[in-house]
Amino acid sequence: MKMFRILAICCFMLGMLLAFEPAIAQDQMVEFSSAPQQNIEMADTLRQDGKIYVVVAVLLTVLAGVLFYLIALDRKVGRLEKQLKDEYVNR
């Protein structure tokens, strides 16, 4: 249960970051180096066609699947630990 709470907090923070990131990125243009800025053609094309949302949706689906798997695994391990503890106490 402890792991579930930690993962829930991490997911909430990630969601908040993703929710506010586009507004921050569009308002500020910060150059981190003195090298000329490179245009990434693929990202611009995906953004213009609206396909960037498909990429984000797929990534979020994969992350949700991994999160679900970790939560299920944590529950199984918790049940096994409880079962082992009960068997040890009953001896």
PDB file of N, CA and C in Angstrom:
ATOM      1  N   MET A   1       0.825  -1.186   0.000  1.00  0.00           N
ATOM      2  CA  MET A   1       0.000   0.000   0.000  1.00  0.00           C
ATOM      3  C   MET A   1       0.872   1.254   0.000  1.00  0.00           C
ATOM      4  N   LYS A   2       2.012   1.145   0.669  1.00  0.00           N
ATOM      5  CA  LYS A   2       2.926   2.280   0.719  1.00  0.00           C
ATOM      6  C   LYS A   2       3.448   2.626  -0.681  1.00  0.00           C
ATOM      7  N   MET A   3       3.754   1.590  -1.460  1.00  0.00           N
ATOM      8  CA  MET A   3       4.262   1.808  -2.810  1.00  0.00           C
ATOM      9  C   MET A   3       3.186   2.443  -3.687  1.00  0.00           C
ATOM     10  N   PHE A   4       1.934   2.033  -3.481  1.00  0.00           N
ATOM     11  CA  PHE A   4       0.824   2.602  -4.240  1.00  0.00           C
ATOM     12  C   PHE A   4       0.725   4.102  -4.006  1.00  0.00           C
ATOM     13  N   ARG A   5       0.869   4.532  -2.785  1.00  0.00           N
ATOM     14  CA  ARG A   5       0.797   5.962  -2.474  1.00  0.00           C
ATOM     15  C   ARG A   5       1.948   6.729  -3.120  1.00  0.00           C
ATOM     16  N   ILE A   6       3.128   6.158  -3.075  1.00  0.00           N
ATOM     17  CA  ILE A   6       4.287   6.810  -3.679  1.00  0.00           C
ATOM     18  C   ILE A   6       4.095   6.933  -5.189  1.00  0.00           C
ATOM     19  N   LEU A   7       3.635   5.846  -5.823  1.00  0.00           N
ATOM     20  CA  LEU A   7       3.408   5.881  -7.265  1.00  0.00           C
ATOM     21  C   LEU A   7       2.283   6.840  -7.634  1.00  0.00           C
ATOM     22  N   ALA A   8       1.255   6.906  -6.792  1.00  0.00           N
ATOM     23  CA  ALA A   8       0.153   7.835  -7.063  1.00  0.00           C
ATOM     24  C   ALA A   8       0.643   9.281  -7.002  1.00  0.00           C
ATOM     25  N   ILE A   9       1.472   9.592  -6.035  1.00  0.00           N
ATOM     26  CA  ILE A   9       2.025  10.941  -5.911  1.00  0.00           C
ATOM     27  C   ILE A   9       2.910  11.259  -7.112  1.00  0.00           C
ATOM     28  N   CYS A  10       3.739  10.298  -7.535  1.00  0.00           N
ATOM     29  CA  CYS A  10       4.599  10.512  -8.705  1.00  0.00           C
ATOM     30  C   CYS A  10       3.773  10.740  -9.967  1.00  0.00           C
ATOM     31  N   CYS A  11       2.714   9.962 -10.137  1.00  0.00           N
ATOM     32  CA  CYS A  11       1.851  10.141 -11.311  1.00  0.00           C
ATOM     33  C   CYS A  11       1.159  11.495 -11.285  1.00  0.00           C
ATOM     34  N   PHE A  12       0.713  11.908 -10.110  1.00  0.00           N
ATOM     35  CA  PHE A  12       0.069  13.209  -9.991  1.00  0.00           C
ATOM     36  C   PHE A  12       1.044  14.325 -10.359  1.00  0.00           C
ATOM     37  N   MET A  13       2.271  14.233  -9.864  1.00  0.00           N
ATOM     38  CA  MET A  13       3.270  15.253 -10.155  1.00  0.00           C
ATOM     39  C   MET A  13       3.622  15.253 -11.647  1.00  0.00           C
ATOM     40  N   LEU A  14       3.722  14.071 -12.247  1.00  0.00           N
ATOM     41  CA  LEU A  14       4.006  13.981 -13.675  1.00  0.00           C
ATOM     42  C   LEU A  14       2.866  14.583 -14.492  1.00  0.00           C
ATOM     43  N   GLY A  15       1.649  14.295 -14.076  1.00  0.00           N
ATOM     44  CA  GLY A  15       0.490  14.868 -14.766  1.00  0.00           C
ATOM     45  C   GLY A  15       0.470  16.382 -14.679  1.00  0.00           C
ATOM     46  N   MET A  16       0.797  16.913 -13.519  1.00  0.00           N
ATOM     47  CA  MET A  16       0.837  18.364 -13.359  1.00  0.00           C
ATOM     48  C   MET A  16       1.941  18.964 -14.226  1.00  0.00           C
ATOM     49  N   LEU A  17       3.065  18.294 -14.293  1.00  0.00           N
ATOM     50  CA  LEU A  17       4.164  18.773 -15.125  1.00  0.00           C
ATOM     51  C   LEU A  17       3.768  18.789 -16.592  1.00  0.00           C
ATOM     52  N   LEU A  18       3.117  17.719 -17.040  1.00  0.00           N
ATOM     53  CA  LEU A  18       2.693  17.653 -18.438  1.00  0.00           C
ATOM     54  C   LEU A  18       1.588  18.654 -18.736  1.00  0.00           C
ATOM     55  N   ALA A  19       0.773  18.961 -17.752  1.00  0.00           N
ATOM     56  CA  ALA A  19      -0.325  19.894 -17.971  1.00  0.00           C
ATOM     57  C   ALA A  19       0.189  21.329 -18.130  1.00  0.00           C
ATOM     58  N   PHE A  20       1.216  21.694 -17.391  1.00  0.00           N
ATOM     59  CA  PHE A  20       1.703  23.068 -17.425  1.00  0.00           C
ATOM     60  C   PHE A  20       2.883  23.272 -18.358  1.00  0.00           C
ATOM     61  N   GLU A  21       3.505  22.220 -18.823  1.00  0.00           N
ATOM     62  CA  GLU A  21       4.700  22.327 -19.658  1.00  0.00           C
ATOM     63  C   GLU A  21       4.448  23.056 -20.971  1.00  0.00           C
ATOM     64  N   PRO A  22       3.360  22.776 -21.725  1.00  0.00           N
ATOM     65  CA  PRO A  22       3.188  23.490 -22.999  1.00  0.00           C
ATOM     66  C   PRO A  22       3.043  24.991 -22.819  1.00  0.00           C
ATOM     67  N   ALA A  23       2.359  25.425 -21.770  1.00  0.00           N
ATOM     68  CA  ALA A  23       2.188  26.858 -21.550  1.00  0.00           C
ATOM     69  C   ALA A  23       3.526  27.518 -21.229  1.00  0.00           C
ATOM     70  N   ILE A  24       4.338  26.842 -20.459  1.00  0.00           N
ATOM     71  CA  ILE A  24       5.645  27.390 -20.092  1.00  0.00           C
ATOM     72  C   ILE A  24       6.563  27.418 -21.310  1.00  0.00           C
ATOM     73  N   ALA A  25       6.547  26.333 -22.085  1.00  0.00           N
ATOM     74  CA  ALA A  25       7.457  26.231 -23.218  1.00  0.00           C
ATOM     75  C   ALA A  25       7.124  27.240 -24.307  1.00  0.00           C
ATOM     76  N   GLN A  26       5.859  27.570 -24.494  1.00  0.00           N
ATOM     77  CA  GLN A  26       5.491  28.494 -25.549  1.00  0.00           C
ATOM     78  C   GLN A  26       5.733  29.943 -25.149  1.00  0.00           C
ATOM     79  N   ASP A  27       5.668  30.250 -23.864  1.00  0.00           N
ATOM     80  CA  ASP A  27       5.857  31.621 -23.419  1.00  0.00           C
ATOM     81  C   ASP A  27       7.322  32.030 -23.384  1.00  0.00           C
ATOM     82  N   GLN A  28       8.188  31.100 -23.109  1.00  0.00           N
ATOM     83  CA  GLN A  28       9.599  31.438 -22.925  1.00  0.00           C
ATOM     84  C   GLN A  28      10.449  30.675 -23.931  1.00  0.00           C
ATOM     85  N   MET A  29      11.336  31.366 -24.538  1.00  0.00           N
ATOM     86  CA  MET A  29      12.314  30.723 -25.399  1.00  0.00           C
ATOM     87  C   MET A  29      13.689  31.007 -24.796  1.00  0.00           C
ATOM     88  N   VAL A  30      14.304  29.991 -24.239  1.00  0.00           N
ATOM     89  CA  VAL A  30      15.579  30.149 -23.568  1.00  0.00           C
ATOM     90  C   VAL A  30      16.622  29.362 -24.345  1.00  0.00           C
ATOM     91  N   GLU A  31      17.716  30.010 -24.660  1.00  0.00           N
ATOM     92  CA  GLU A  31      18.810  29.320 -25.326  1.00  0.00           C
ATOM     93  C   GLU A  31      19.808  28.877 -24.268  1.00  0.00           C
ATOM     94  N   PHE A  32      20.166  27.609 -24.308  1.00  0.00           N
ATOM     95  CA  PHE A  32      21.079  27.062 -23.319  1.00  0.00           C
ATOM     96  C   PHE A  32      22.518  27.035 -23.806  1.00  0.00           C
ATOM     97  N   SER A  33      22.720  27.254 -25.072  1.00  0.00           N
ATOM     98  CA  SER A  33      24.088  27.264 -25.575  1.00  0.00           C
ATOM     99  C   SER A  33      24.223  28.372 -26.611  1.00  0.00           C
ATOM    100  N   SER A  34      25.451  28.643 -26.972  1.00  0.00           N
ATOM    101  CA  SER A  34      25.688  29.686 -27.964  1.00  0.00           C
ATOM    102  C   SER A  34      25.607  29.139 -29.387  1.00  0.00           C
ATOM    103  N   ALA A  35      25.416  27.809 -29.515  1.00  0.00           N
ATOM    104  CA  ALA A  35      25.312  27.204 -30.840  1.00  0.00           C
ATOM    105  C   ALA A  35      24.001  27.623 -31.494  1.00  0.00           C
ATOM    106  N   PRO A  36      23.987  27.704 -32.805  1.00  0.00           N
ATOM    107  CA  PRO A  36      22.741  28.076 -33.482  1.00  0.00           C
ATOM    108  C   PRO A  36      21.642  27.050 -33.197  1.00  0.00           C
ATOM    109  N   GLN A  37      20.435  27.567 -33.069  1.00  0.00           N
ATOM    110  CA  GLN A  37      19.299  26.710 -32.741  1.00  0.00           C
ATOM    111  C   GLN A  37      18.937  25.852 -33.946  1.00  0.00           C
ATOM    112  N   GLN A  38      18.738  24.562 -33.687  1.00  0.00           N
ATOM    113  CA  GLN A  38      18.402  23.643 -34.765  1.00  0.00           C
ATOM    114  C   GLN A  38      16.888  23.452 -34.803  1.00  0.00           C
ATOM    115  N   ASN A  39      16.339  23.446 -35.988  1.00  0.00           N
ATOM    116  CA  ASN A  39      14.917  23.165 -36.136  1.00  0.00           C
ATOM    117  C   ASN A  39      14.732  21.664 -36.277  1.00  0.00           C
ATOM    118  N   ILE A  40      13.875  21.113 -35.466  1.00  0.00           N
ATOM    119  CA  ILE A  40      13.590  19.687 -35.535  1.00  0.00           C
ATOM    120  C   ILE A  40      12.336  19.533 -36.385  1.00  0.00           C
ATOM    121  N   GLU A  41      12.558  19.108 -37.598  1.00  0.00           N
ATOM    122  CA  GLU A  41      11.495  19.072 -38.586  1.00  0.00           C
ATOM    123  C   GLU A  41      10.380  18.099 -38.210  1.00  0.00           C
ATOM    124  N   MET A  42      10.761  16.936 -37.668  1.00  0.00           N
ATOM    125  CA  MET A  42       9.767  15.925 -37.340  1.00  0.00           C
ATOM    126  C   MET A  42       8.810  16.425 -36.251  1.00  0.00           C
ATOM    127  N   ALA A  43       9.344  17.061 -35.231  1.00  0.00           N
ATOM    128  CA  ALA A  43       8.500  17.551 -34.148  1.00  0.00           C
ATOM    129  C   ALA A  43       7.554  18.636 -34.640  1.00  0.00           C
ATOM    130  N   ASP A  44       8.047  19.508 -35.484  1.00  0.00           N
ATOM    131  CA  ASP A  44       7.183  20.556 -36.037  1.00  0.00           C
ATOM    132  C   ASP A  44       6.065  19.964 -36.884  1.00  0.00           C
ATOM    133  N   THR A  45       6.405  18.960 -37.684  1.00  0.00           N
ATOM    134  CA  THR A  45       5.403  18.326 -38.539  1.00  0.00           C
ATOM    135  C   THR A  45       4.350  17.612 -37.707  1.00  0.00           C
ATOM    136  N   LEU A  46       4.798  16.871 -36.674  1.00  0.00           N
ATOM    137  CA  LEU A  46       3.845  16.170 -35.813  1.00  0.00           C
ATOM    138  C   LEU A  46       2.936  17.156 -35.089  1.00  0.00           C
ATOM    139  N   ARG A  47       3.501  18.257 -34.658  1.00  0.00           N
ATOM    140  CA  ARG A  47       2.712  19.259 -33.940  1.00  0.00           C
ATOM    141  C   ARG A  47       1.701  19.912 -34.877  1.00  0.00           C
ATOM    142  N   GLN A  48       2.104  20.205 -36.102  1.00  0.00           N
ATOM    143  CA  GLN A  48       1.199  20.838 -37.057  1.00  0.00           C
ATOM    144  C   GLN A  48       0.059  19.909 -37.464  1.00  0.00           C
ATOM    145  N   ASP A  49       0.365  18.628 -37.628  1.00  0.00           N
ATOM    146  CA  ASP A  49      -0.654  17.667 -38.049  1.00  0.00           C
ATOM    147  C   ASP A  49      -1.531  17.202 -36.891  1.00  0.00           C
ATOM    148  N   GLY A  50      -1.171  17.545 -35.660  1.00  0.00           N
ATOM    149  CA  GLY A  50      -1.932  17.109 -34.507  1.00  0.00           C
ATOM    150  C   GLY A  50      -1.594  15.691 -34.070  1.00  0.00           C
ATOM    151  N   LYS A  51      -0.567  15.113 -34.658  1.00  0.00           N
ATOM    152  CA  LYS A  51      -0.194  13.739 -34.321  1.00  0.00           C
ATOM    153  C   LYS A  51       0.647  13.656 -33.056  1.00  0.00           C
ATOM    154  N   ILE A  52       1.105  14.784 -32.574  1.00  0.00           N
ATOM    155  CA  ILE A  52       1.897  14.774 -31.347  1.00  0.00           C
ATOM    156  C   ILE A  52       1.056  14.264 -30.186  1.00  0.00           C
ATOM    157  N   TYR A  53      -0.257  14.494 -30.273  1.00  0.00           N
ATOM    158  CA  TYR A  53      -1.154  14.017 -29.220  1.00  0.00           C
ATOM    159  C   TYR A  53      -1.262  12.496 -29.242  1.00  0.00           C
ATOM    160  N   VAL A  54      -1.134  11.905 -30.409  1.00  0.00           N
ATOM    161  CA  VAL A  54      -1.128  10.447 -30.505  1.00  0.00           C
ATOM    162  C   VAL A  54       0.126   9.896 -29.835  1.00  0.00           C
ATOM    163  N   VAL A  55       1.246  10.538 -30.072  1.00  0.00           N
ATOM    164  CA  VAL A  55       2.499  10.111 -29.452  1.00  0.00           C
ATOM    165  C   VAL A  55       2.398  10.225 -27.933  1.00  0.00           C
ATOM    166  N   VAL A  56       1.864  11.334 -27.456  1.00  0.00           N
ATOM    167  CA  VAL A  56       1.707  11.522 -26.011  1.00  0.00           C
ATOM    168  C   VAL A  56       0.746  10.491 -25.444  1.00  0.00           C
ATOM    169  N   ALA A  57      -0.340  10.200 -26.148  1.00  0.00           N
ATOM    170  CA  ALA A  57      -1.309   9.210 -25.680  1.00  0.00           C
ATOM    171  C   ALA A  57      -0.689   7.819 -25.582  1.00  0.00           C
ATOM    172  N   VAL A  58       0.115   7.455 -26.571  1.00  0.00           N
ATOM    173  CA  VAL A  58       0.780   6.148 -26.543  1.00  0.00           C
ATOM    174  C   VAL A  58       1.761   6.079 -25.375  1.00  0.00           C
ATOM    175  N   LEU A  59       2.534   7.131 -25.179  1.00  0.00           N
ATOM    176  CA  LEU A  59       3.481   7.143 -24.064  1.00  0.00           C
ATOM    177  C   LEU A  59       2.766   7.049 -22.721  1.00  0.00           C
ATOM    178  N   LEU A  60       1.676   7.784 -22.570  1.00  0.00           N
ATOM    179  CA  LEU A  60       0.922   7.719 -21.317  1.00  0.00           C
ATOM    180  C   LEU A  60       0.291   6.354 -21.112  1.00  0.00           C
ATOM    181  N   THR A  61      -0.146   5.713 -22.192  1.00  0.00           N
ATOM    182  CA  THR A  61      -0.702   4.364 -22.087  1.00  0.00           C
ATOM    183  C   THR A  61       0.358   3.369 -21.630  1.00  0.00           C
ATOM    184  N   VAL A  62       1.536   3.469 -22.190  1.00  0.00           N
ATOM    185  CA  VAL A  62       2.625   2.579 -21.784  1.00  0.00           C
ATOM    186  C   VAL A  62       2.994   2.820 -20.315  1.00  0.00           C
ATOM    187  N   LEU A  63       3.104   4.080 -19.927  1.00  0.00           N
ATOM    188  CA  LEU A  63       3.424   4.382 -18.533  1.00  0.00           C
ATOM    189  C   LEU A  63       2.324   3.907 -17.588  1.00  0.00           C
ATOM    190  N   ALA A  64       1.068   4.037 -17.989  1.00  0.00           N
ATOM    191  CA  ALA A  64      -0.040   3.552 -17.162  1.00  0.00           C
ATOM    192  C   ALA A  64       0.022   2.035 -17.031  1.00  0.00           C
ATOM    193  N   GLY A  65       0.371   1.347 -18.106  1.00  0.00           N
ATOM    194  CA  GLY A  65       0.518  -0.112 -18.048  1.00  0.00           C
ATOM    195  C   GLY A  65       1.618  -0.541 -17.105  1.00  0.00           C
ATOM    196  N   VAL A  66       2.735   0.141 -17.165  1.00  0.00           N
ATOM    197  CA  VAL A  66       3.847  -0.169 -16.254  1.00  0.00           C
ATOM    198  C   VAL A  66       3.434   0.108 -14.807  1.00  0.00           C
ATOM    199  N   LEU A  67       2.745   1.216 -14.589  1.00  0.00           N
ATOM    200  CA  LEU A  67       2.270   1.559 -13.250  1.00  0.00           C
ATOM    201  C   LEU A  67       1.299   0.503 -12.730  1.00  0.00           C
ATOM    202  N   PHE A  68       0.361   0.081 -13.584  1.00  0.00           N
ATOM    203  CA  PHE A  68      -0.593  -0.952 -13.195  1.00  0.00           C
ATOM    204  C   PHE A  68       0.133  -2.247 -12.840  1.00  0.00           C
ATOM    205  N   TYR A  69       1.114  -2.622 -13.630  1.00  0.00           N
ATOM    206  CA  TYR A  69       1.891  -3.834 -13.367  1.00  0.00           C
ATOM    207  C   TYR A  69       2.630  -3.740 -12.036  1.00  0.00           C
ATOM    208  N   LEU A  70       3.225  -2.588 -11.758  1.00  0.00           N
ATOM    209  CA  LEU A  70       3.951  -2.427 -10.499  1.00  0.00           C
ATOM    210  C   LEU A  70       3.013  -2.499  -9.299  1.00  0.00           C
ATOM    211  N   ILE A  71       1.841  -1.923  -9.419  1.00  0.00           N
ATOM    212  CA  ILE A  71       0.878  -1.967  -8.323  1.00  0.00           C
ATOM    213  C   ILE A  71       0.408  -3.402  -8.097  1.00  0.00           C
ATOM    214  N   ALA A  72       0.098  -4.120  -9.176  1.00  0.00           N
ATOM    215  CA  ALA A  72      -0.330  -5.513  -9.052  1.00  0.00           C
ATOM    216  C   ALA A  72       0.778  -6.365  -8.439  1.00  0.00           C
ATOM    217  N   LEU A  73       2.004  -6.137  -8.860  1.00  0.00           N
ATOM    218  CA  LEU A  73       3.140  -6.881  -8.317  1.00  0.00           C
ATOM    219  C   LEU A  73       3.340  -6.582  -6.835  1.00  0.00           C
ATOM    220  N   ASP A  74       3.172  -5.328  -6.454  1.00  0.00           N
ATOM    221  CA  ASP A  74       3.299  -4.941  -5.051  1.00  0.00           C
ATOM    222  C   ASP A  74       2.238  -5.638  -4.204  1.00  0.00           C
ATOM    223  N   ARG A  75       1.018  -5.724  -4.711  1.00  0.00           N
ATOM    224  CA  ARG A  75      -0.050  -6.410  -3.971  1.00  0.00           C
ATOM    225  C   ARG A  75       0.249  -7.895  -3.819  1.00  0.00           C
ATOM    226  N   LYS A  76       0.730  -8.530  -4.867  1.00  0.00           N
ATOM    227  CA  LYS A  76       1.053  -9.954  -4.795  1.00  0.00           C
ATOM    228  C   LYS A  76       2.173 -10.207  -3.788  1.00  0.00           C
ATOM    229  N   VAL A  77       3.193  -9.380  -3.824  1.00  0.00           N
ATOM    230  CA  VAL A  77       4.306  -9.537  -2.884  1.00  0.00           C
ATOM    231  C   VAL A  77       3.818  -9.308  -1.456  1.00  0.00           C
ATOM    232  N   GLY A  78       2.935  -8.333  -1.272  1.00  0.00           N
ATOM    233  CA  GLY A  78       2.371  -8.080   0.055  1.00  0.00           C
ATOM    234  C   GLY A  78       1.588  -9.273   0.575  1.00  0.00           C
ATOM    235  N   ARG A  79       0.779  -9.894  -0.299  1.00  0.00           N
ATOM    236  CA  ARG A  79       0.030 -11.094   0.106  1.00  0.00           C
ATOM    237  C   ARG A  79       0.968 -12.236   0.459  1.00  0.00           C
ATOM    238  N   LEU A  80       2.019 -12.433  -0.339  1.00  0.00           N
ATOM    239  CA  LEU A  80       2.981 -13.498  -0.049  1.00  0.00           C
ATOM    240  C   LEU A  80       3.716 -13.249   1.267  1.00  0.00           C
ATOM    241  N   GLU A  81       4.073 -12.007   1.527  1.00  0.00           N
ATOM    242  CA  GLU A  81       4.739 -11.683   2.787  1.00  0.00           C
ATOM    243  C   GLU A  81       3.819 -11.951   3.972  1.00  0.00           C
ATOM    244  N   LYS A  82       2.555 -11.569   3.829  1.00  0.00           N
ATOM    245  CA  LYS A  82       1.592 -11.802   4.902  1.00  0.00           C
ATOM    246  C   LYS A  82       1.384 -13.294   5.131  1.00  0.00           C
ATOM    247  N   GLN A  83       1.278 -14.058   4.045  1.00  0.00           N
ATOM    248  CA  GLN A  83       1.103 -15.498   4.146  1.00  0.00           C
ATOM    249  C   GLN A  83       2.315 -16.143   4.816  1.00  0.00           C
ATOM    250  N   LEU A  84       3.497 -15.729   4.444  1.00  0.00           N
ATOM    251  CA  LEU A  84       4.724 -16.263   5.039  1.00  0.00           C
ATOM    252  C   LEU A  84       4.808 -15.910   6.516  1.00  0.00           C
ATOM    253  N   LYS A  85       4.424 -14.689   6.857  1.00  0.00           N
ATOM    254  CA  LYS A  85       4.439 -14.257   8.249  1.00  0.00           C
ATOM    255  C   LYS A  85       3.441 -15.068   9.069  1.00  0.00           C
ATOM    256  N   ASP A  86       2.243 -15.306   8.516  1.00  0.00           N
ATOM    257  CA  ASP A  86       1.232 -16.095   9.222  1.00  0.00           C
ATOM    258  C   ASP A  86       1.698 -17.528   9.437  1.00  0.00           C
ATOM    259  N   GLU A  87       2.341 -18.109   8.438  1.00  0.00           N
ATOM    260  CA  GLU A  87       2.854 -19.483   8.590  1.00  0.00           C
ATOM    261  C   GLU A  87       3.953 -19.540   9.632  1.00  0.00           C
ATOM    262  N   TYR A  88       4.791 -18.520   9.691  1.00  0.00           N
ATOM    263  CA  TYR A  88       5.876 -18.493  10.663  1.00  0.00           C
ATOM    264  C   TYR A  88       5.331 -18.355  12.081  1.00  0.00           C
ATOM    265  N   VAL A  89       4.291 -17.532  12.264  1.00  0.00           N
ATOM    266  CA  VAL A  89       3.708 -17.319  13.584  1.00  0.00           C
ATOM    267  C   VAL A  89       2.971 -18.562  14.060  1.00  0.00           C
ATOM    268  N   ASN A  90       2.322 -19.294  13.156  1.00  0.00           N
ATOM    269  CA  ASN A  90       1.550 -20.485  13.531  1.00  0.00           C
ATOM    270  C   ASN A  90       2.418 -21.679  13.877  1.00  0.00           C
ATOM    271  N   ARG A  91       3.688 -21.652  13.620  1.00  0.00           N
ATOM    272  CA  ARG A  91       4.576 -22.790  13.921  1.00  0.00           C
ATOM    273  C   ARG A  91       4.916 -22.836  15.340  1.00  0.00           C
TER     274      ARG A  91
END
